Protein backbone atom coordinates (compact mmCIF):
# COMPACT_ATOMS: atom_id res chain seq x y z
CA MET A 1 -32.65 109.84 -12.35
CA ASN A 2 -29.53 107.63 -11.86
CA LEU A 3 -31.35 104.23 -11.98
CA PRO A 4 -31.54 102.47 -15.27
CA LYS A 5 -34.95 102.01 -16.91
CA ARG A 6 -36.03 98.56 -17.92
CA ASP A 7 -37.38 99.99 -21.30
CA VAL A 8 -39.56 102.73 -22.55
CA GLN A 9 -42.77 100.72 -22.36
CA PHE A 10 -45.62 101.60 -19.88
CA HIS A 11 -46.00 98.82 -17.22
CA THR A 12 -48.61 97.65 -14.70
CA TYR A 13 -48.47 95.49 -11.68
CA ALA A 14 -49.81 92.51 -13.73
CA GLU A 15 -46.76 92.57 -15.93
CA TYR A 16 -44.31 93.43 -12.94
CA CYS A 17 -45.58 90.16 -11.39
CA SER A 18 -44.72 87.92 -14.39
CA TRP A 19 -40.97 89.27 -14.53
CA PRO A 20 -38.33 86.97 -13.33
CA GLU A 21 -37.24 87.42 -9.82
CA ASP A 22 -33.57 87.45 -10.52
CA GLN A 23 -33.87 91.30 -11.19
CA ARG A 24 -35.71 93.57 -8.89
CA TYR A 25 -37.81 96.64 -10.35
CA GLU A 26 -39.99 99.38 -8.93
CA LEU A 27 -42.62 101.07 -10.99
CA ILE A 28 -43.43 104.69 -10.80
CA ASP A 29 -46.09 105.85 -13.15
CA GLY A 30 -45.62 102.82 -15.38
CA VAL A 31 -41.96 103.29 -15.79
CA ALA A 32 -39.87 100.30 -14.52
CA TYR A 33 -36.57 101.14 -12.73
CA ALA A 34 -33.98 98.51 -12.07
CA ILE A 35 -32.94 98.16 -8.45
CA ASP A 36 -29.50 96.75 -7.79
CA ALA A 37 -28.51 94.94 -4.79
CA PRO A 38 -27.72 97.21 -1.93
CA LEU A 39 -24.38 98.03 -0.25
CA ARG A 40 -23.41 96.50 3.05
CA ILE A 41 -23.78 99.73 5.00
CA HIS A 42 -27.18 99.95 3.52
CA GLN A 43 -28.33 96.50 4.73
CA GLU A 44 -26.81 97.22 8.29
CA PHE A 45 -28.72 100.37 8.59
CA VAL A 46 -32.03 98.60 7.47
CA GLY A 47 -31.38 95.77 9.90
CA GLU A 48 -30.35 97.91 12.84
CA MET A 49 -33.44 100.34 12.39
CA HIS A 50 -35.81 97.35 11.90
CA PHE A 51 -34.47 95.77 15.04
CA GLN A 52 -34.91 98.87 17.14
CA ILE A 53 -38.47 99.60 15.95
CA THR A 54 -39.58 96.15 16.25
CA GLY A 55 -38.27 95.95 19.79
CA GLN A 56 -40.23 98.90 20.88
CA SER A 57 -43.51 98.22 18.87
CA ARG A 58 -44.31 94.50 19.80
CA ASN A 59 -47.62 95.16 21.43
CA HIS A 60 -48.55 97.95 18.86
CA PRO A 61 -51.22 97.15 16.36
CA CYS A 62 -48.97 98.86 13.57
CA ARG A 63 -46.72 96.37 11.50
CA ILE A 64 -43.16 97.00 10.26
CA TYR A 65 -41.66 95.57 7.12
CA LEU A 66 -38.50 95.67 5.28
CA SER A 67 -37.62 95.29 1.67
CA PRO A 68 -38.23 93.43 -0.55
CA PHE A 69 -42.04 94.08 0.17
CA ASP A 70 -44.24 95.39 -2.54
CA VAL A 71 -46.26 98.59 -1.85
CA ARG A 72 -48.90 99.11 -4.58
CA LEU A 73 -50.00 102.68 -4.73
CA PRO A 74 -53.22 102.96 -6.88
CA LYS A 75 -54.03 106.33 -8.21
CA ARG A 76 -57.86 105.81 -7.71
CA ASN A 77 -59.54 102.55 -7.01
CA GLU A 78 -58.19 100.55 -10.00
CA ALA A 79 -57.71 96.90 -9.75
CA ASP A 80 -54.40 95.64 -8.71
CA ASP A 81 -53.31 94.38 -12.23
CA LEU A 82 -53.80 97.97 -13.40
CA VAL A 83 -51.75 99.71 -10.65
CA SER A 84 -48.71 101.51 -12.28
CA THR A 85 -46.88 102.43 -9.11
CA VAL A 86 -45.24 99.71 -7.11
CA LEU A 87 -42.43 100.42 -4.75
CA GLN A 88 -40.32 98.44 -2.28
CA PRO A 89 -39.36 100.86 0.60
CA ASP A 90 -36.41 99.85 2.72
CA LEU A 91 -38.48 100.04 5.81
CA LEU A 92 -42.24 100.88 6.23
CA ILE A 93 -44.95 100.89 8.93
CA VAL A 94 -48.55 100.16 8.13
CA CYS A 95 -51.12 100.87 10.97
CA ASP A 96 -54.30 100.05 8.89
CA ARG A 97 -54.12 96.31 8.58
CA SER A 98 -56.90 96.22 6.03
CA LYS A 99 -54.19 97.56 3.59
CA LEU A 100 -52.15 94.26 4.03
CA ASP A 101 -52.62 91.11 2.01
CA GLU A 102 -50.53 88.20 0.74
CA ARG A 103 -48.87 90.43 -1.97
CA GLY A 104 -47.81 93.13 0.51
CA CYS A 105 -49.54 96.47 0.95
CA ARG A 106 -52.18 98.15 -1.08
CA GLY A 107 -52.24 101.90 -0.33
CA ALA A 108 -50.11 104.32 1.60
CA PRO A 109 -48.05 103.11 4.50
CA ASP A 110 -47.95 105.43 7.56
CA TRP A 111 -44.27 105.55 7.60
CA VAL A 112 -41.48 104.94 5.03
CA ALA A 113 -37.66 105.12 5.32
CA GLU A 114 -35.21 104.96 2.44
CA ILE A 115 -31.47 104.53 3.23
CA LEU A 116 -29.67 106.49 0.57
CA SER A 117 -26.78 105.48 -1.60
CA PRO A 118 -25.00 107.48 -4.27
CA ALA A 119 -26.84 105.46 -6.94
CA THR A 120 -30.39 106.04 -5.58
CA ALA A 121 -30.12 109.47 -3.79
CA SER A 122 -31.78 111.57 -6.53
CA TYR A 123 -34.31 108.81 -7.33
CA ASP A 124 -35.31 108.53 -3.64
CA HIS A 125 -35.41 112.38 -3.19
CA ILE A 126 -37.41 113.24 -6.19
CA LEU A 127 -39.36 110.40 -7.89
CA LYS A 128 -40.13 108.22 -4.81
CA ARG A 129 -40.84 111.36 -2.56
CA SER A 130 -43.35 112.48 -5.13
CA ALA A 131 -44.99 109.08 -5.42
CA TYR A 132 -45.22 108.76 -1.55
CA GLU A 133 -46.66 112.39 -1.30
CA ALA A 134 -49.23 111.69 -3.87
CA ALA A 135 -50.16 108.46 -2.38
CA GLY A 136 -50.66 110.00 1.24
CA VAL A 137 -47.61 108.50 3.19
CA ARG A 138 -47.82 110.44 6.31
CA GLU A 139 -43.96 110.51 7.12
CA TYR A 140 -41.13 109.93 4.82
CA TRP A 141 -37.56 109.51 6.12
CA LEU A 142 -34.36 109.71 3.96
CA VAL A 143 -31.44 108.43 5.95
CA HIS A 144 -27.98 109.55 4.68
CA PRO A 145 -25.64 107.03 6.38
CA VAL A 146 -22.31 108.66 5.08
CA ASP A 147 -23.35 112.23 5.92
CA ARG A 148 -24.96 111.16 9.17
CA LEU A 149 -28.09 113.14 8.18
CA LEU A 150 -31.79 112.57 8.23
CA THR A 151 -34.31 114.35 6.12
CA VAL A 152 -37.92 113.98 7.31
CA TYR A 153 -40.98 114.94 5.21
CA THR A 154 -44.34 115.11 6.99
CA LEU A 155 -47.73 115.27 5.23
CA GLU A 156 -49.74 118.42 5.85
CA ASN A 157 -52.98 118.93 4.13
CA GLY A 158 -52.13 116.31 1.42
CA ARG A 159 -48.58 117.87 0.68
CA TYR A 160 -45.15 117.45 2.29
CA GLY A 161 -44.23 120.55 4.11
CA ILE A 162 -40.73 121.94 4.65
CA PRO A 163 -38.45 119.03 5.48
CA GLN A 164 -36.85 118.69 8.82
CA TYR A 165 -33.17 117.96 9.07
CA HIS A 166 -31.67 115.97 11.93
CA GLU A 167 -28.20 114.80 12.65
CA LEU A 168 -27.83 111.01 13.12
CA ALA A 169 -27.03 111.32 16.77
CA GLY A 170 -28.97 110.82 20.10
CA ARG A 171 -32.44 109.56 19.83
CA LEU A 172 -35.33 110.54 17.55
CA ALA A 173 -38.95 109.48 17.73
CA LEU A 174 -41.10 108.42 14.74
CA GLY A 175 -43.78 111.05 14.15
CA VAL A 176 -46.40 108.39 13.54
CA LEU A 177 -45.25 106.43 16.51
CA PRO A 178 -44.13 108.79 19.19
CA ASP A 179 -43.33 106.11 21.71
CA VAL A 180 -40.87 104.49 19.21
CA GLU A 181 -37.36 106.05 18.85
CA ILE A 182 -34.29 105.36 16.82
CA ASP A 183 -31.13 105.46 18.87
CA TRP A 184 -28.56 106.67 16.32
CA ASP A 185 -25.65 106.35 18.77
CA ASN A 186 -26.55 102.69 19.58
CA LEU A 187 -27.14 102.03 15.69
CA PHE A 188 -23.65 103.31 14.83
CA ALA A 189 -22.06 101.41 17.70
CA ALA A 190 -23.76 98.18 16.50
CA ILE A 191 -22.66 98.80 12.83
CA ASN A 192 -19.02 99.64 13.91
CA SER A 193 -18.55 96.53 16.07
CA ALA A 194 -19.62 94.26 13.33
């Protein structure tokens, strides 16, 4: 994967919480990957998508969050300190509020979106997709801003089925919240006017 590893040690959430906050990491199966500051277009996509989803889901019981926001994905029912996969999705929706606590989310969000950059594309496509699938994330979006392409994975019988591809044009509803849509044309208009 393209992202640098912190070291070759196995890490848990207890260690992760003790690291200085000036460098962000994600843990996947105990391996710590360094996360760099995102590019401006990445932040604009995250902000515009969050704005659109929030505006349409104000009265909905599901909650939307954006990075940095820790998502702990236990393999079984291990204590938080022993969890070895901790991710910070760009955007996520959690409908089961019992998964939320002061530290973030423990367990699979219902929907996750990652905005791809050249430095993170293979990491998001391979390692994070596998972690989200194993944890039971119902819907996983990979947004390719430069190529104007969206890849959508939907959980079927505990596995991600064949991905669906969409051009970033027109409107597209979230599978987990069919009454909430992303208007890609408005998103690009907002970004291009900035």
